[in-house]
């Protein structure tokens, strides 16, 4: 199964959702079920994937554990869960220029985690096919434990997000 999540930000993230739906139509995921957590993209209706707007945390964690491939936005909390499950996710950051977030902190997080080999970045839709191939290769190998620098970066990002929500 392929699990795609865009989190719960109030801004939409159709750039990722439309790209995944198109890839599913083209057969990029073979016969695998593609499940999409759509978030606040109420106008998005997938034709080639299954999905729901939001998932309870227990179901979200279960989907991550069951997935052979995870494709995600660059939310620190989401990435923490995926990395804890031992997955190497494909990560497309939400970007300010497309109205997907208030700033480009997700781009910074993607660059940092990609430099440590913890994720496979996909900055644009065109990056996804190659990222899928790389993720399939890397997820078939054991994942080394995360370095403390990565954990500190994720913890800092979560703290910053929590301060913004208050």
C-alpha atoms as a PDB file:
ATOM      1  CA  UNK A   1       0.000   0.000   0.000  1.00  0.00           C
ATOM      2  CA  UNK A   2       1.055   3.579  -0.701  1.00  0.00           C
ATOM      3  CA  UNK A   3       0.126   6.116   1.988  1.00  0.00           C
ATOM      4  CA  UNK A   4       0.000   9.794   1.076  1.00  0.00           C
ATOM      5  CA  UNK A   5      -0.554  12.478   3.694  1.00  0.00           C
ATOM      6  CA  UNK A   6      -0.797  16.247   3.439  1.00  0.00           C
ATOM      7  CA  UNK A   7      -1.386  16.884   7.140  1.00  0.00           C
ATOM      8  CA  UNK A   8      -3.932  19.263   8.581  1.00  0.00           C
ATOM      9  CA  UNK A   9      -2.685  22.738   7.596  1.00  0.00           C
ATOM     10  CA  UNK A  10      -5.493  25.084   6.653  1.00  0.00           C
ATOM     11  CA  UNK A  11      -3.877  25.812   3.287  1.00  0.00           C
ATOM     12  CA  UNK A  12      -4.520  23.374   0.475  1.00  0.00           C
ATOM     13  CA  UNK A  13      -1.870  21.156  -1.085  1.00  0.00           C
ATOM     14  CA  UNK A  14      -3.341  20.210  -4.444  1.00  0.00           C
ATOM     15  CA  UNK A  15       0.108  20.234  -6.053  1.00  0.00           C
ATOM     16  CA  UNK A  16       0.962  16.965  -4.298  1.00  0.00           C
ATOM     17  CA  UNK A  17      -2.509  15.430  -4.445  1.00  0.00           C
ATOM     18  CA  UNK A  18      -3.020  16.065  -8.161  1.00  0.00           C
ATOM     19  CA  UNK A  19       0.448  14.696  -8.950  1.00  0.00           C
ATOM     20  CA  UNK A  20      -0.175  11.479  -6.989  1.00  0.00           C
ATOM     21  CA  UNK A  21      -3.589  10.970  -8.601  1.00  0.00           C
ATOM     22  CA  UNK A  22      -2.066  11.445 -12.061  1.00  0.00           C
ATOM     23  CA  UNK A  23       0.746   8.978 -11.281  1.00  0.00           C
ATOM     24  CA  UNK A  24      -1.814   6.450 -10.055  1.00  0.00           C
ATOM     25  CA  UNK A  25      -3.720   6.888 -13.325  1.00  0.00           C
ATOM     26  CA  UNK A  26      -0.486   6.252 -15.254  1.00  0.00           C
ATOM     27  CA  UNK A  27       0.189   3.052 -13.283  1.00  0.00           C
ATOM     28  CA  UNK A  28       3.236   4.337 -11.380  1.00  0.00           C
ATOM     29  CA  UNK A  29       2.175   2.378  -8.289  1.00  0.00           C
ATOM     30  CA  UNK A  30       1.338  -0.853 -10.093  1.00  0.00           C
ATOM     31  CA  UNK A  31      -1.511  -2.743  -8.456  1.00  0.00           C
ATOM     32  CA  UNK A  32      -0.893  -1.220  -5.039  1.00  0.00           C
ATOM     33  CA  UNK A  33      -3.703   0.605  -3.291  1.00  0.00           C
ATOM     34  CA  UNK A  34      -2.944   4.303  -2.925  1.00  0.00           C
ATOM     35  CA  UNK A  35      -4.582   5.824   0.159  1.00  0.00           C
ATOM     36  CA  UNK A  36      -4.618   9.607   0.396  1.00  0.00           C
ATOM     37  CA  UNK A  37      -5.205  11.633   3.557  1.00  0.00           C
ATOM     38  CA  UNK A  38      -6.487  14.783   1.810  1.00  0.00           C
ATOM     39  CA  UNK A  39      -6.579  17.272   4.691  1.00  0.00           C
ATOM     40  CA  UNK A  40      -8.082  20.675   3.949  1.00  0.00           C
ATOM     41  CA  UNK A  41      -8.442  20.079   0.225  1.00  0.00           C
ATOM     42  CA  UNK A  42     -12.202  19.732   0.225  1.00  0.00           C
ATOM     43  CA  UNK A  43     -12.456  20.321  -3.529  1.00  0.00           C
ATOM     44  CA  UNK A  44     -10.064  17.450  -4.314  1.00  0.00           C
ATOM     45  CA  UNK A  45     -11.739  14.255  -5.437  1.00  0.00           C
ATOM     46  CA  UNK A  46      -9.392  11.487  -6.419  1.00  0.00           C
ATOM     47  CA  UNK A  47     -10.373   9.218  -9.254  1.00  0.00           C
ATOM     48  CA  UNK A  48      -7.557   6.691  -8.913  1.00  0.00           C
ATOM     49  CA  UNK A  49      -6.922   6.515  -5.157  1.00  0.00           C
ATOM     50  CA  UNK A  50      -8.816   5.847  -1.959  1.00  0.00           C
ATOM     51  CA  UNK A  51      -8.881   8.523   0.676  1.00  0.00           C
ATOM     52  CA  UNK A  52     -10.279  10.500   3.551  1.00  0.00           C
ATOM     53  CA  UNK A  53      -9.916  14.104   4.635  1.00  0.00           C
ATOM     54  CA  UNK A  54      -8.532  13.347   8.104  1.00  0.00           C
ATOM     55  CA  UNK A  55      -7.624  10.266  10.137  1.00  0.00           C
ATOM     56  CA  UNK A  56      -7.665   9.660  13.886  1.00  0.00           C
ATOM     57  CA  UNK A  57      -4.097   9.343  15.220  1.00  0.00           C
ATOM     58  CA  UNK A  58      -4.432   5.594  15.776  1.00  0.00           C
ATOM     59  CA  UNK A  59      -5.491   4.995  12.167  1.00  0.00           C
ATOM     60  CA  UNK A  60      -2.826   7.420  10.900  1.00  0.00           C
ATOM     61  CA  UNK A  61      -0.111   5.449  12.730  1.00  0.00           C
ATOM     62  CA  UNK A  62      -1.549   2.173  11.460  1.00  0.00           C
ATOM     63  CA  UNK A  63      -1.474   3.409   7.859  1.00  0.00           C
ATOM     64  CA  UNK A  64       2.186   4.422   8.205  1.00  0.00           C
ATOM     65  CA  UNK A  65       3.110   1.000   9.573  1.00  0.00           C
ATOM     66  CA  UNK A  66       1.188  -0.845   6.840  1.00  0.00           C
ATOM     67  CA  UNK A  67       2.507   1.278   3.983  1.00  0.00           C
ATOM     68  CA  UNK A  68       5.234   0.016   1.687  1.00  0.00           C
ATOM     69  CA  UNK A  69       5.719   3.585   0.513  1.00  0.00           C
ATOM     70  CA  UNK A  70       4.972   6.890   2.291  1.00  0.00           C
ATOM     71  CA  UNK A  71       4.612  10.195   0.458  1.00  0.00           C
ATOM     72  CA  UNK A  72       4.196  13.228   2.663  1.00  0.00           C
ATOM     73  CA  UNK A  73       4.265  16.952   3.139  1.00  0.00           C
ATOM     74  CA  UNK A  74       7.144  18.155   5.323  1.00  0.00           C
ATOM     75  CA  UNK A  75       5.252  18.615   8.567  1.00  0.00           C
ATOM     76  CA  UNK A  76       7.608  17.912  11.462  1.00  0.00           C
ATOM     77  CA  UNK A  77       5.066  15.831  13.393  1.00  0.00           C
ATOM     78  CA  UNK A  78       4.177  13.730  10.363  1.00  0.00           C
ATOM     79  CA  UNK A  79       7.821  13.127   9.522  1.00  0.00           C
ATOM     80  CA  UNK A  80       8.572  12.182  13.107  1.00  0.00           C
ATOM     81  CA  UNK A  81       5.919   9.434  12.952  1.00  0.00           C
ATOM     82  CA  UNK A  82       7.088   8.134   9.577  1.00  0.00           C
ATOM     83  CA  UNK A  83      10.763   8.078  10.580  1.00  0.00           C
ATOM     84  CA  UNK A  84       9.935   6.386  13.891  1.00  0.00           C
ATOM     85  CA  UNK A  85       8.222   3.624  11.878  1.00  0.00           C
ATOM     86  CA  UNK A  86      11.505   2.999  10.057  1.00  0.00           C
ATOM     87  CA  UNK A  87      10.368   4.335   6.693  1.00  0.00           C
ATOM     88  CA  UNK A  88      12.301   6.494   4.245  1.00  0.00           C
ATOM     89  CA  UNK A  89       9.526   8.761   2.959  1.00  0.00           C
ATOM     90  CA  UNK A  90       9.220  10.835  -0.162  1.00  0.00           C
ATOM     91  CA  UNK A  91       8.681  14.374   1.058  1.00  0.00           C
ATOM     92  CA  UNK A  92       7.315  17.322  -0.893  1.00  0.00           C
ATOM     93  CA  UNK A  93       7.499  20.542   1.097  1.00  0.00           C
ATOM     94  CA  UNK A  94       4.585  22.943   1.144  1.00  0.00           C
ATOM     95  CA  UNK A  95       5.780  26.231  -0.324  1.00  0.00           C
ATOM     96  CA  UNK A  96       4.840  29.826   0.314  1.00  0.00           C
ATOM     97  CA  UNK A  97       5.011  30.791  -3.376  1.00  0.00           C
ATOM     98  CA  UNK A  98       2.108  28.415  -4.124  1.00  0.00           C
ATOM     99  CA  UNK A  99       0.030  29.540  -1.119  1.00  0.00           C
ATOM    100  CA  UNK A 100       0.568  26.150   0.556  1.00  0.00           C
ATOM    101  CA  UNK A 101       2.017  27.582   3.792  1.00  0.00           C
ATOM    102  CA  UNK A 102       2.859  30.867   5.490  1.00  0.00           C
ATOM    103  CA  UNK A 103       6.616  30.511   4.923  1.00  0.00           C
ATOM    104  CA  UNK A 104       9.192  28.060   3.557  1.00  0.00           C
ATOM    105  CA  UNK A 105      10.211  26.323   6.783  1.00  0.00           C
ATOM    106  CA  UNK A 106       9.205  22.978   5.221  1.00  0.00           C
ATOM    107  CA  UNK A 107      11.765  23.492   2.438  1.00  0.00           C
ATOM    108  CA  UNK A 108      14.456  24.046   5.078  1.00  0.00           C
ATOM    109  CA  UNK A 109      13.436  20.883   6.951  1.00  0.00           C
ATOM    110  CA  UNK A 110      13.461  18.834   3.734  1.00  0.00           C
ATOM    111  CA  UNK A 111      16.945  20.048   2.841  1.00  0.00           C
ATOM    112  CA  UNK A 112      18.277  19.182   6.305  1.00  0.00           C
ATOM    113  CA  UNK A 113      16.731  15.699   6.425  1.00  0.00           C
ATOM    114  CA  UNK A 114      17.691  14.932   2.812  1.00  0.00           C
ATOM    115  CA  UNK A 115      21.312  15.876   3.526  1.00  0.00           C
ATOM    116  CA  UNK A 116      21.328  13.178   6.222  1.00  0.00           C
ATOM    117  CA  UNK A 117      19.719  10.631   3.897  1.00  0.00           C
ATOM    118  CA  UNK A 118      16.583  10.331   6.066  1.00  0.00           C
ATOM    119  CA  UNK A 119      14.111  11.311   3.360  1.00  0.00           C
ATOM    120  CA  UNK A 120      13.838  11.487  -0.398  1.00  0.00           C
ATOM    121  CA  UNK A 121      12.984  15.026  -1.459  1.00  0.00           C
ATOM    122  CA  UNK A 122      10.524  15.854  -4.210  1.00  0.00           C
ATOM    123  CA  UNK A 123      10.390  19.627  -4.517  1.00  0.00           C
ATOM    124  CA  UNK A 124       8.108  19.556  -7.551  1.00  0.00           C
ATOM    125  CA  UNK A 125       5.656  17.142  -9.178  1.00  0.00           C
ATOM    126  CA  UNK A 126       8.222  16.194 -11.822  1.00  0.00           C
ATOM    127  CA  UNK A 127      10.517  14.831  -9.082  1.00  0.00           C
ATOM    128  CA  UNK A 128       8.021  12.200  -7.927  1.00  0.00           C
ATOM    129  CA  UNK A 129       8.645   9.327 -10.410  1.00  0.00           C
ATOM    130  CA  UNK A 130      12.377   9.219  -9.679  1.00  0.00           C
ATOM    131  CA  UNK A 131      11.711   9.665  -5.956  1.00  0.00           C
ATOM    132  CA  UNK A 132       9.316   6.691  -6.005  1.00  0.00           C
ATOM    133  CA  UNK A 133      11.964   4.469  -7.586  1.00  0.00           C
ATOM    134  CA  UNK A 134      14.552   5.616  -5.042  1.00  0.00           C
ATOM    135  CA  UNK A 135      12.164   5.093  -2.117  1.00  0.00           C
ATOM    136  CA  UNK A 136      11.361   1.553  -3.225  1.00  0.00           C
ATOM    137  CA  UNK A 137      15.079   0.774  -3.389  1.00  0.00           C
ATOM    138  CA  UNK A 138      15.916   2.354  -0.041  1.00  0.00           C
ATOM    139  CA  UNK A 139      12.917   1.004   1.856  1.00  0.00           C
ATOM    140  CA  UNK A 140      14.037  -2.514   1.009  1.00  0.00           C
ATOM    141  CA  UNK A 141      17.178  -1.917   3.111  1.00  0.00           C
ATOM    142  CA  UNK A 142      17.433  -1.549   6.913  1.00  0.00           C
ATOM    143  CA  UNK A 143      17.237   2.044   8.147  1.00  0.00           C
ATOM    144  CA  UNK A 144      20.062   3.153  10.441  1.00  0.00           C
ATOM    145  CA  UNK A 145      19.096   4.826  13.730  1.00  0.00           C
ATOM    146  CA  UNK A 146      18.572   8.586  13.446  1.00  0.00           C
ATOM    147  CA  UNK A 147      21.447  10.834  14.493  1.00  0.00           C
ATOM    148  CA  UNK A 148      20.841  13.164  17.414  1.00  0.00           C
ATOM    149  CA  UNK A 149      21.137  16.238  15.145  1.00  0.00           C
ATOM    150  CA  UNK A 150      18.101  15.105  13.151  1.00  0.00           C
ATOM    151  CA  UNK A 151      16.050  14.533  16.306  1.00  0.00           C
ATOM    152  CA  UNK A 152      17.015  17.971  17.623  1.00  0.00           C
ATOM    153  CA  UNK A 153      15.979  19.583  14.325  1.00  0.00           C
ATOM    154  CA  UNK A 154      12.595  17.845  14.313  1.00  0.00           C
ATOM    155  CA  UNK A 155      12.004  18.717  17.990  1.00  0.00           C
ATOM    156  CA  UNK A 156      12.864  22.371  17.280  1.00  0.00           C
ATOM    157  CA  UNK A 157      10.498  22.458  14.296  1.00  0.00           C
ATOM    158  CA  UNK A 158       7.666  21.000  16.388  1.00  0.00           C
ATOM    159  CA  UNK A 159       8.285  23.573  19.139  1.00  0.00           C
ATOM    160  CA  UNK A 160       8.202  26.410  16.585  1.00  0.00           C
ATOM    161  CA  UNK A 161       4.948  25.144  15.112  1.00  0.00           C
ATOM    162  CA  UNK A 162       3.361  24.879  18.551  1.00  0.00           C
ATOM    163  CA  UNK A 163       4.329  28.496  19.337  1.00  0.00           C
ATOM    164  CA  UNK A 164       2.739  29.673  16.067  1.00  0.00           C
ATOM    165  CA  UNK A 165      -0.553  27.941  16.847  1.00  0.00           C
ATOM    166  CA  UNK A 166      -0.957  29.794  20.169  1.00  0.00           C
END
